[in-house]
Amino acid sequence: MGFGIESCNYWLGNELLHQLTKDGQYRLRFDLQSLDSGQWYWADYDTFIVDSEATNYTLTVGGYSGDAEDSMYNHDGRMFTTFDRDNDPYTSGNCADVDVVGGGFWHNNCGMAEVNAARGAGWFGGPAWYKLPGPNRLQTSRMWLKCL
């Protein structure tokens, strides 16, 4: 089961992501729009696997290509962190806490790919892609699964 509004702001849910990706048959694509310039960037990953709930939905991601530079390399091997399940290695708190980032994700000490960050939260004041050329704040981000 996912949550959000299917037409504009929807998360499939980690269990469904696990079921879809466990056999390695999908690639991951991010479409990222800069808040400052409005320009679109992209990042593709040849490997995208979300493990089971027993591993806290540990992420395997790699094989980057694109023009947004790779901000996901730091998230590979990380467990999914939410407001109520702090699975990240950040020692000063929970990266999904609204005061730090404000969104669930495969965080590693917060800060590299903050595509689920709430506006006004996070190191960059909302959604961000750390390696984005120029300012790294995001207006829009989309995560797509692509069949191999």
Protein backbone atom coordinates (compact mmCIF):
# COMPACT_ATOMS: atom_id res chain seq x y z
CA MET A 1 0.00 0.00 0.00
CA GLY A 2 1.23 3.44 -0.85
CA PHE A 3 0.21 6.85 0.35
CA GLY A 4 -0.29 10.37 -0.92
CA ILE A 5 -2.18 11.70 -3.91
CA GLU A 6 -1.71 9.42 -6.92
CA SER A 7 -1.92 12.22 -9.49
CA CYS A 8 0.83 14.41 -8.03
CA ASN A 9 2.53 13.27 -4.83
CA TYR A 10 2.50 9.54 -4.26
CA TRP A 11 4.83 6.98 -2.70
CA LEU A 12 4.20 3.39 -3.80
CA GLY A 13 5.19 2.06 -0.41
CA ASN A 14 8.29 0.09 0.44
CA GLU A 15 6.64 -3.33 0.41
CA LEU A 16 5.45 -2.81 -3.15
CA LEU A 17 8.87 -1.44 -4.12
CA HIS A 18 10.40 -4.58 -2.62
CA GLN A 19 8.03 -6.87 -4.53
CA LEU A 20 8.68 -5.04 -7.81
CA THR A 21 12.46 -4.74 -7.51
CA LYS A 22 13.60 -7.84 -5.61
CA ASP A 23 14.54 -9.70 -8.81
CA GLY A 24 16.57 -6.80 -10.20
CA GLN A 25 14.32 -6.30 -13.23
CA TYR A 26 13.97 -2.52 -12.90
CA ARG A 27 16.15 0.54 -13.25
CA LEU A 28 15.57 3.72 -11.27
CA ARG A 29 15.28 7.15 -12.85
CA PHE A 30 15.09 10.51 -11.14
CA ASP A 31 13.78 13.57 -12.97
CA LEU A 32 14.86 16.64 -11.02
CA GLN A 33 13.80 20.24 -11.59
CA SER A 34 15.96 22.99 -10.11
CA LEU A 35 14.05 25.40 -7.89
CA ASP A 36 16.36 28.24 -8.87
CA SER A 37 16.64 27.85 -12.65
CA GLY A 38 13.67 25.64 -13.53
CA GLN A 39 16.04 23.47 -15.57
CA TRP A 40 15.45 19.71 -15.60
CA TYR A 41 18.16 17.13 -14.87
CA TRP A 42 18.12 13.35 -14.75
CA ALA A 43 19.84 10.47 -13.02
CA ASP A 44 19.47 6.82 -14.01
CA TYR A 45 20.60 3.81 -11.99
CA ASP A 46 21.04 0.40 -13.61
CA THR A 47 20.65 -1.33 -10.26
CA PHE A 48 17.73 -0.58 -7.93
CA ILE A 49 16.64 -3.19 -5.41
CA VAL A 50 14.67 -2.64 -2.22
CA ASP A 51 15.11 -5.55 0.17
CA SER A 52 12.40 -6.88 2.50
CA GLU A 53 10.91 -5.43 5.66
CA ALA A 54 13.10 -7.83 7.65
CA THR A 55 16.10 -5.69 6.55
CA ASN A 56 14.22 -2.40 7.03
CA TYR A 57 13.95 -2.16 3.23
CA THR A 58 17.68 -1.90 2.66
CA LEU A 59 18.54 -0.23 -0.65
CA THR A 60 20.89 -1.50 -3.33
CA VAL A 61 21.51 1.20 -5.95
CA GLY A 62 24.28 1.70 -8.48
CA GLY A 63 25.29 2.08 -12.10
CA TYR A 64 24.71 5.81 -12.41
CA SER A 65 24.31 7.74 -15.66
CA GLY A 66 22.83 11.17 -16.24
CA ASP A 67 23.47 14.90 -16.03
CA ALA A 68 22.53 15.49 -12.38
CA GLU A 69 25.68 13.82 -11.03
CA ASP A 70 25.38 10.91 -8.61
CA SER A 71 23.84 11.82 -5.26
CA MET A 72 22.61 8.29 -4.52
CA TYR A 73 26.02 6.62 -4.15
CA ASN A 74 25.98 7.55 -0.47
CA HIS A 75 22.62 5.85 0.06
CA ASP A 76 23.56 2.40 -1.25
CA GLY A 77 23.28 -0.24 1.47
CA ARG A 78 21.19 1.99 3.76
CA MET A 79 18.01 1.02 5.52
CA PHE A 80 14.87 3.10 5.05
CA THR A 81 14.39 5.69 7.81
CA THR A 82 11.05 7.22 8.80
CA PHE A 83 9.87 9.54 11.56
CA ASP A 84 9.15 6.56 13.82
CA ARG A 85 11.99 4.23 12.70
CA ASP A 86 15.43 5.76 12.92
CA ASN A 87 17.60 3.44 10.83
CA ASP A 88 20.17 5.97 9.65
CA PRO A 89 23.71 6.34 11.06
CA TYR A 90 23.29 10.05 11.87
CA THR A 91 24.35 10.28 15.53
CA SER A 92 22.73 13.64 16.28
CA GLY A 93 19.17 12.55 15.53
CA ASN A 94 16.88 11.06 12.93
CA CYS A 95 17.33 12.28 9.33
CA ALA A 96 13.60 11.82 8.68
CA ASP A 97 12.76 14.17 11.53
CA VAL A 98 11.12 17.31 10.17
CA ASP A 99 13.77 19.58 11.77
CA VAL A 100 16.60 17.86 9.91
CA VAL A 101 15.24 16.67 6.56
CA GLY A 102 11.54 16.06 6.91
CA GLY A 103 10.94 12.91 4.93
CA GLY A 104 11.48 9.18 4.89
CA PHE A 105 14.32 7.90 2.69
CA TRP A 106 17.43 5.71 2.66
CA HIS A 107 19.43 8.30 4.58
CA ASN A 108 23.14 8.18 5.29
CA ASN A 109 23.97 10.94 7.76
CA CYS A 110 21.38 13.05 5.90
CA GLY A 111 21.98 15.46 3.11
CA MET A 112 22.89 13.89 -0.26
CA ALA A 113 19.56 13.11 -1.94
CA GLU A 114 16.72 14.78 -0.07
CA VAL A 115 13.97 14.24 -2.62
CA ASN A 116 11.34 13.63 0.09
CA ALA A 117 12.30 16.60 2.28
CA ALA A 118 9.57 18.95 3.39
CA ARG A 119 9.72 22.58 2.24
CA GLY A 120 11.62 24.63 4.77
CA ALA A 121 13.29 21.54 6.26
CA GLY A 122 16.64 19.95 5.63
CA TRP A 123 20.11 21.26 5.10
CA PHE A 124 19.01 22.99 1.90
CA GLY A 125 15.58 24.29 2.96
CA GLY A 126 13.58 21.54 1.29
CA PRO A 127 13.98 18.93 -1.42
CA ALA A 128 17.52 18.84 -2.79
CA TRP A 129 19.97 16.84 -4.88
CA TYR A 130 23.39 17.59 -3.47
CA LYS A 131 25.33 17.00 -6.69
CA LEU A 132 22.97 19.00 -8.94
CA PRO A 133 24.91 21.44 -11.15
CA GLY A 134 24.54 24.92 -9.69
CA PRO A 135 22.12 25.42 -6.78
CA ASN A 136 20.91 22.06 -5.54
CA ARG A 137 17.41 22.91 -4.32
CA LEU A 138 14.56 21.15 -6.10
CA GLN A 139 11.21 22.42 -7.30
CA THR A 140 10.09 18.96 -8.41
CA SER A 141 11.45 15.45 -8.21
CA ARG A 142 10.13 12.24 -9.67
CA MET A 143 11.31 8.70 -9.12
CA TRP A 144 10.49 6.29 -11.94
CA LEU A 145 10.88 2.55 -12.23
CA LYS A 146 11.95 1.48 -15.71
CA CYS A 147 11.88 -2.10 -16.97
CA LEU A 148 15.23 -3.51 -18.05
